[in-house]
């Protein structure tokens, strides 16, 4: 539908229509309600790779394109009910989650990039109504997806920054899994 496409706004900011945002929230809620029993863990986990980086240094900040993508992510997930944001301790992941943290008034927890176990403990310790955003890297996001029970192999190309993964746990079964682009 033409009306549901992202629209350019001030300063090139892409705005998603209310219909797209509502559809995403409805999708999360419907999939969560489809389970016969309440999930013992979080309601939904959104995962993204950090946005475009400014350079190839070890702790690169975001480029201008990356900053714009981070704002698009915030616009898209602003009404998704995110309750916590987990990033690595590197600038590019923290900066990717920052616009949503500000817009949604939720905390951001930065964990060591190499400590996937600590991240998984945080995810698994989330409450049954929590909706989490995890901002990682091209090598850590697939690892976290596998740990959350996603069977489909996931690879993220070196130049791919637009993946948005959604995992909805299901008691006694494989999670619902969606791979979207933003």
C-alpha atoms as a PDB file:
ATOM      1  CA  UNK A   1       0.000   0.000   0.000  1.00  0.00           C
ATOM      2  CA  UNK A   2       1.408   3.326  -0.944  1.00  0.00           C
ATOM      3  CA  UNK A   3       0.040   4.947   2.236  1.00  0.00           C
ATOM      4  CA  UNK A   4       2.053   2.578   4.429  1.00  0.00           C
ATOM      5  CA  UNK A   5       5.452   3.362   2.938  1.00  0.00           C
ATOM      6  CA  UNK A   6       7.936   5.404   4.932  1.00  0.00           C
ATOM      7  CA  UNK A   7       7.566   9.106   4.255  1.00  0.00           C
ATOM      8  CA  UNK A   8      10.286  11.713   4.299  1.00  0.00           C
ATOM      9  CA  UNK A   9       9.990  14.289   7.022  1.00  0.00           C
ATOM     10  CA  UNK A  10      12.047  17.209   8.226  1.00  0.00           C
ATOM     11  CA  UNK A  11      15.781  16.831   7.725  1.00  0.00           C
ATOM     12  CA  UNK A  12      15.283  13.600   5.769  1.00  0.00           C
ATOM     13  CA  UNK A  13      13.766  11.858   8.802  1.00  0.00           C
ATOM     14  CA  UNK A  14      11.657   8.921   7.644  1.00  0.00           C
ATOM     15  CA  UNK A  15       8.271   8.713   9.305  1.00  0.00           C
ATOM     16  CA  UNK A  16       6.350   5.476   9.303  1.00  0.00           C
ATOM     17  CA  UNK A  17       2.622   5.826   9.042  1.00  0.00           C
ATOM     18  CA  UNK A  18       0.512   5.123  12.063  1.00  0.00           C
ATOM     19  CA  UNK A  19      -0.846   2.091  10.225  1.00  0.00           C
ATOM     20  CA  UNK A  20       2.624   0.523   9.935  1.00  0.00           C
ATOM     21  CA  UNK A  21       3.376   1.143  13.607  1.00  0.00           C
ATOM     22  CA  UNK A  22      -0.022  -0.206  14.685  1.00  0.00           C
ATOM     23  CA  UNK A  23       0.420  -3.277  12.479  1.00  0.00           C
ATOM     24  CA  UNK A  24       3.767  -4.058  14.117  1.00  0.00           C
ATOM     25  CA  UNK A  25       2.286  -3.735  17.616  1.00  0.00           C
ATOM     26  CA  UNK A  26      -0.749  -5.847  16.643  1.00  0.00           C
ATOM     27  CA  UNK A  27       1.567  -8.488  15.172  1.00  0.00           C
ATOM     28  CA  UNK A  28       3.535  -8.697  18.422  1.00  0.00           C
ATOM     29  CA  UNK A  29       0.387  -8.918  20.521  1.00  0.00           C
ATOM     30  CA  UNK A  30      -1.338 -11.449  18.260  1.00  0.00           C
ATOM     31  CA  UNK A  31       1.640 -13.753  18.174  1.00  0.00           C
ATOM     32  CA  UNK A  32       1.996 -13.508  21.934  1.00  0.00           C
ATOM     33  CA  UNK A  33      -1.682 -14.268  22.465  1.00  0.00           C
ATOM     34  CA  UNK A  34      -1.546 -17.216  20.069  1.00  0.00           C
ATOM     35  CA  UNK A  35       0.306 -19.272  22.680  1.00  0.00           C
ATOM     36  CA  UNK A  36      -1.999 -21.412  24.820  1.00  0.00           C
ATOM     37  CA  UNK A  37      -0.182 -20.472  28.056  1.00  0.00           C
ATOM     38  CA  UNK A  38       1.548 -17.299  29.134  1.00  0.00           C
ATOM     39  CA  UNK A  39       5.219 -17.234  28.210  1.00  0.00           C
ATOM     40  CA  UNK A  40       7.548 -17.843  31.153  1.00  0.00           C
ATOM     41  CA  UNK A  41       9.939 -15.203  29.824  1.00  0.00           C
ATOM     42  CA  UNK A  42       9.672 -11.945  27.911  1.00  0.00           C
ATOM     43  CA  UNK A  43       6.827 -11.188  25.539  1.00  0.00           C
ATOM     44  CA  UNK A  44       9.008 -10.212  22.566  1.00  0.00           C
ATOM     45  CA  UNK A  45      12.628  -9.567  21.660  1.00  0.00           C
ATOM     46  CA  UNK A  46      13.544  -7.238  18.800  1.00  0.00           C
ATOM     47  CA  UNK A  47      17.142  -7.560  17.592  1.00  0.00           C
ATOM     48  CA  UNK A  48      19.124  -5.341  15.244  1.00  0.00           C
ATOM     49  CA  UNK A  49      22.687  -4.913  14.211  1.00  0.00           C
ATOM     50  CA  UNK A  50      24.081  -1.462  14.962  1.00  0.00           C
ATOM     51  CA  UNK A  51      23.522   1.149  12.271  1.00  0.00           C
ATOM     52  CA  UNK A  52      26.188   2.306   9.800  1.00  0.00           C
ATOM     53  CA  UNK A  53      29.495   3.194  11.418  1.00  0.00           C
ATOM     54  CA  UNK A  54      31.610   6.262  10.684  1.00  0.00           C
ATOM     55  CA  UNK A  55      34.863   4.331  10.222  1.00  0.00           C
ATOM     56  CA  UNK A  56      36.519   0.973  10.846  1.00  0.00           C
ATOM     57  CA  UNK A  57      38.063   1.848  14.200  1.00  0.00           C
ATOM     58  CA  UNK A  58      37.430  -0.554  17.056  1.00  0.00           C
ATOM     59  CA  UNK A  59      34.924   1.759  18.777  1.00  0.00           C
ATOM     60  CA  UNK A  60      33.545   3.717  15.851  1.00  0.00           C
ATOM     61  CA  UNK A  61      30.619   6.081  16.348  1.00  0.00           C
ATOM     62  CA  UNK A  62      27.749   6.114  13.865  1.00  0.00           C
ATOM     63  CA  UNK A  63      28.035   7.867  10.533  1.00  0.00           C
ATOM     64  CA  UNK A  64      25.415  10.436   9.474  1.00  0.00           C
ATOM     65  CA  UNK A  65      23.584   7.611   7.644  1.00  0.00           C
ATOM     66  CA  UNK A  66      23.785   5.521  10.802  1.00  0.00           C
ATOM     67  CA  UNK A  67      22.324   8.313  12.894  1.00  0.00           C
ATOM     68  CA  UNK A  68      19.423   8.596  10.438  1.00  0.00           C
ATOM     69  CA  UNK A  69      18.851   4.825  10.586  1.00  0.00           C
ATOM     70  CA  UNK A  70      18.823   4.938  14.408  1.00  0.00           C
ATOM     71  CA  UNK A  71      16.102   7.594  14.243  1.00  0.00           C
ATOM     72  CA  UNK A  72      14.123   5.421  11.768  1.00  0.00           C
ATOM     73  CA  UNK A  73      14.383   2.510  14.199  1.00  0.00           C
ATOM     74  CA  UNK A  74      13.095   4.707  17.012  1.00  0.00           C
ATOM     75  CA  UNK A  75      10.211   5.925  14.848  1.00  0.00           C
ATOM     76  CA  UNK A  76       9.303   2.352  13.950  1.00  0.00           C
ATOM     77  CA  UNK A  77       9.461   0.912  17.482  1.00  0.00           C
ATOM     78  CA  UNK A  78       8.257   3.934  19.431  1.00  0.00           C
ATOM     79  CA  UNK A  79       4.775   2.410  19.887  1.00  0.00           C
ATOM     80  CA  UNK A  80       5.924  -1.221  20.247  1.00  0.00           C
ATOM     81  CA  UNK A  81       6.021  -1.074  24.040  1.00  0.00           C
ATOM     82  CA  UNK A  82       9.775  -1.581  24.433  1.00  0.00           C
ATOM     83  CA  UNK A  83      10.579  -1.872  28.158  1.00  0.00           C
ATOM     84  CA  UNK A  84      14.390  -2.182  28.028  1.00  0.00           C
ATOM     85  CA  UNK A  85      17.221  -1.789  25.543  1.00  0.00           C
ATOM     86  CA  UNK A  86      20.391  -3.892  25.679  1.00  0.00           C
ATOM     87  CA  UNK A  87      23.477  -2.853  23.733  1.00  0.00           C
ATOM     88  CA  UNK A  88      27.118  -3.754  23.771  1.00  0.00           C
ATOM     89  CA  UNK A  89      29.596  -1.363  25.326  1.00  0.00           C
ATOM     90  CA  UNK A  90      30.647   0.026  21.932  1.00  0.00           C
ATOM     91  CA  UNK A  91      29.582   3.496  20.759  1.00  0.00           C
ATOM     92  CA  UNK A  92      27.858   2.324  17.591  1.00  0.00           C
ATOM     93  CA  UNK A  93      25.413   0.048  19.436  1.00  0.00           C
ATOM     94  CA  UNK A  94      24.730   2.550  22.202  1.00  0.00           C
ATOM     95  CA  UNK A  95      24.110   5.306  19.621  1.00  0.00           C
ATOM     96  CA  UNK A  96      21.790   3.016  17.616  1.00  0.00           C
ATOM     97  CA  UNK A  97      19.540   2.432  20.631  1.00  0.00           C
ATOM     98  CA  UNK A  98      19.725   5.975  22.032  1.00  0.00           C
ATOM     99  CA  UNK A  99      16.931   7.631  19.998  1.00  0.00           C
ATOM    100  CA  UNK A 100      14.441   4.918  21.014  1.00  0.00           C
ATOM    101  CA  UNK A 101      15.576   5.025  24.651  1.00  0.00           C
ATOM    102  CA  UNK A 102      14.913   8.761  24.660  1.00  0.00           C
ATOM    103  CA  UNK A 103      11.580   8.545  22.816  1.00  0.00           C
ATOM    104  CA  UNK A 104      10.229   5.616  24.838  1.00  0.00           C
ATOM    105  CA  UNK A 105      11.756   6.698  28.183  1.00  0.00           C
ATOM    106  CA  UNK A 106      13.317   3.292  28.774  1.00  0.00           C
ATOM    107  CA  UNK A 107      16.692   2.365  30.220  1.00  0.00           C
ATOM    108  CA  UNK A 108      19.624   1.231  28.124  1.00  0.00           C
ATOM    109  CA  UNK A 109      21.972  -1.370  29.567  1.00  0.00           C
ATOM    110  CA  UNK A 110      25.398  -1.621  27.913  1.00  0.00           C
ATOM    111  CA  UNK A 111      27.099  -5.001  28.326  1.00  0.00           C
ATOM    112  CA  UNK A 112      30.564  -6.129  27.199  1.00  0.00           C
ATOM    113  CA  UNK A 113      30.442  -7.057  23.501  1.00  0.00           C
ATOM    114  CA  UNK A 114      32.233 -10.355  24.114  1.00  0.00           C
ATOM    115  CA  UNK A 115      29.922 -11.434  26.964  1.00  0.00           C
ATOM    116  CA  UNK A 116      26.924 -12.920  25.173  1.00  0.00           C
ATOM    117  CA  UNK A 117      26.189 -14.961  28.301  1.00  0.00           C
ATOM    118  CA  UNK A 118      25.489 -11.809  30.320  1.00  0.00           C
ATOM    119  CA  UNK A 119      23.149 -10.561  27.601  1.00  0.00           C
ATOM    120  CA  UNK A 120      21.293 -13.882  27.482  1.00  0.00           C
ATOM    121  CA  UNK A 121      20.929 -13.838  31.271  1.00  0.00           C
ATOM    122  CA  UNK A 122      19.332 -10.371  31.041  1.00  0.00           C
ATOM    123  CA  UNK A 123      16.981 -11.515  28.277  1.00  0.00           C
ATOM    124  CA  UNK A 124      15.990 -14.694  30.097  1.00  0.00           C
ATOM    125  CA  UNK A 125      15.476 -12.755  33.310  1.00  0.00           C
ATOM    126  CA  UNK A 126      12.988 -10.385  31.714  1.00  0.00           C
ATOM    127  CA  UNK A 127       9.391 -10.436  32.903  1.00  0.00           C
ATOM    128  CA  UNK A 128       6.478 -11.965  31.000  1.00  0.00           C
ATOM    129  CA  UNK A 129       5.274  -8.586  29.727  1.00  0.00           C
ATOM    130  CA  UNK A 130       8.671  -7.169  28.768  1.00  0.00           C
ATOM    131  CA  UNK A 131       9.493  -6.255  25.199  1.00  0.00           C
ATOM    132  CA  UNK A 132      13.203  -5.884  24.627  1.00  0.00           C
ATOM    133  CA  UNK A 133      15.411  -4.318  21.988  1.00  0.00           C
ATOM    134  CA  UNK A 134      18.866  -5.858  21.604  1.00  0.00           C
ATOM    135  CA  UNK A 135      21.431  -3.924  19.550  1.00  0.00           C
ATOM    136  CA  UNK A 136      24.391  -6.087  18.615  1.00  0.00           C
ATOM    137  CA  UNK A 137      26.800  -6.855  15.808  1.00  0.00           C
ATOM    138  CA  UNK A 138      26.786  -8.955  12.626  1.00  0.00           C
ATOM    139  CA  UNK A 139      28.361 -11.846  14.549  1.00  0.00           C
ATOM    140  CA  UNK A 140      26.518 -11.528  17.883  1.00  0.00           C
ATOM    141  CA  UNK A 141      22.933 -11.110  16.647  1.00  0.00           C
ATOM    142  CA  UNK A 142      22.872 -14.549  14.926  1.00  0.00           C
ATOM    143  CA  UNK A 143      24.420 -16.084  18.062  1.00  0.00           C
ATOM    144  CA  UNK A 144      21.702 -14.589  20.275  1.00  0.00           C
ATOM    145  CA  UNK A 145      18.991 -15.697  17.842  1.00  0.00           C
ATOM    146  CA  UNK A 146      20.258 -19.299  18.046  1.00  0.00           C
ATOM    147  CA  UNK A 147      20.336 -19.116  21.838  1.00  0.00           C
ATOM    148  CA  UNK A 148      16.716 -17.921  21.816  1.00  0.00           C
ATOM    149  CA  UNK A 149      15.720 -21.041  19.894  1.00  0.00           C
ATOM    150  CA  UNK A 150      15.615 -19.734  16.326  1.00  0.00           C
ATOM    151  CA  UNK A 151      16.429 -22.769  14.171  1.00  0.00           C
ATOM    152  CA  UNK A 152      16.735 -20.978  10.824  1.00  0.00           C
ATOM    153  CA  UNK A 153      20.360 -20.067  10.095  1.00  0.00           C
ATOM    154  CA  UNK A 154      20.831 -16.311  10.074  1.00  0.00           C
ATOM    155  CA  UNK A 155      23.726 -14.464   8.523  1.00  0.00           C
ATOM    156  CA  UNK A 156      24.141 -10.712   8.324  1.00  0.00           C
ATOM    157  CA  UNK A 157      26.243  -9.385   5.466  1.00  0.00           C
ATOM    158  CA  UNK A 158      29.010  -6.893   6.112  1.00  0.00           C
ATOM    159  CA  UNK A 159      27.015  -4.099   4.437  1.00  0.00           C
ATOM    160  CA  UNK A 160      23.616  -5.046   5.948  1.00  0.00           C
ATOM    161  CA  UNK A 161      22.342  -2.616   8.538  1.00  0.00           C
ATOM    162  CA  UNK A 162      18.604  -2.789   7.884  1.00  0.00           C
ATOM    163  CA  UNK A 163      17.629  -6.128   9.461  1.00  0.00           C
ATOM    164  CA  UNK A 164      15.037  -6.111  12.230  1.00  0.00           C
ATOM    165  CA  UNK A 165      14.528  -9.513  13.819  1.00  0.00           C
ATOM    166  CA  UNK A 166      11.542 -10.298  16.002  1.00  0.00           C
ATOM    167  CA  UNK A 167      11.473 -13.312  18.333  1.00  0.00           C
ATOM    168  CA  UNK A 168       8.343 -14.172  20.293  1.00  0.00           C
ATOM    169  CA  UNK A 169       8.889 -17.055  22.728  1.00  0.00           C
ATOM    170  CA  UNK A 170       6.372 -19.899  22.822  1.00  0.00           C
ATOM    171  CA  UNK A 171       6.190 -22.239  25.791  1.00  0.00           C
ATOM    172  CA  UNK A 172       7.005 -25.784  24.786  1.00  0.00           C
ATOM    173  CA  UNK A 173       7.860 -24.922  21.198  1.00  0.00           C
ATOM    174  CA  UNK A 174      10.057 -22.999  18.843  1.00  0.00           C
ATOM    175  CA  UNK A 175       9.627 -19.229  19.024  1.00  0.00           C
ATOM    176  CA  UNK A 176       7.808 -17.243  16.399  1.00  0.00           C
ATOM    177  CA  UNK A 177      10.503 -15.585  14.281  1.00  0.00           C
ATOM    178  CA  UNK A 178      10.334 -12.783  11.739  1.00  0.00           C
ATOM    179  CA  UNK A 179      13.064 -11.090   9.744  1.00  0.00           C
ATOM    180  CA  UNK A 180      12.055  -7.635   8.581  1.00  0.00           C
ATOM    181  CA  UNK A 181      13.842  -4.673   6.965  1.00  0.00           C
ATOM    182  CA  UNK A 182      13.715  -1.058   8.067  1.00  0.00           C
END
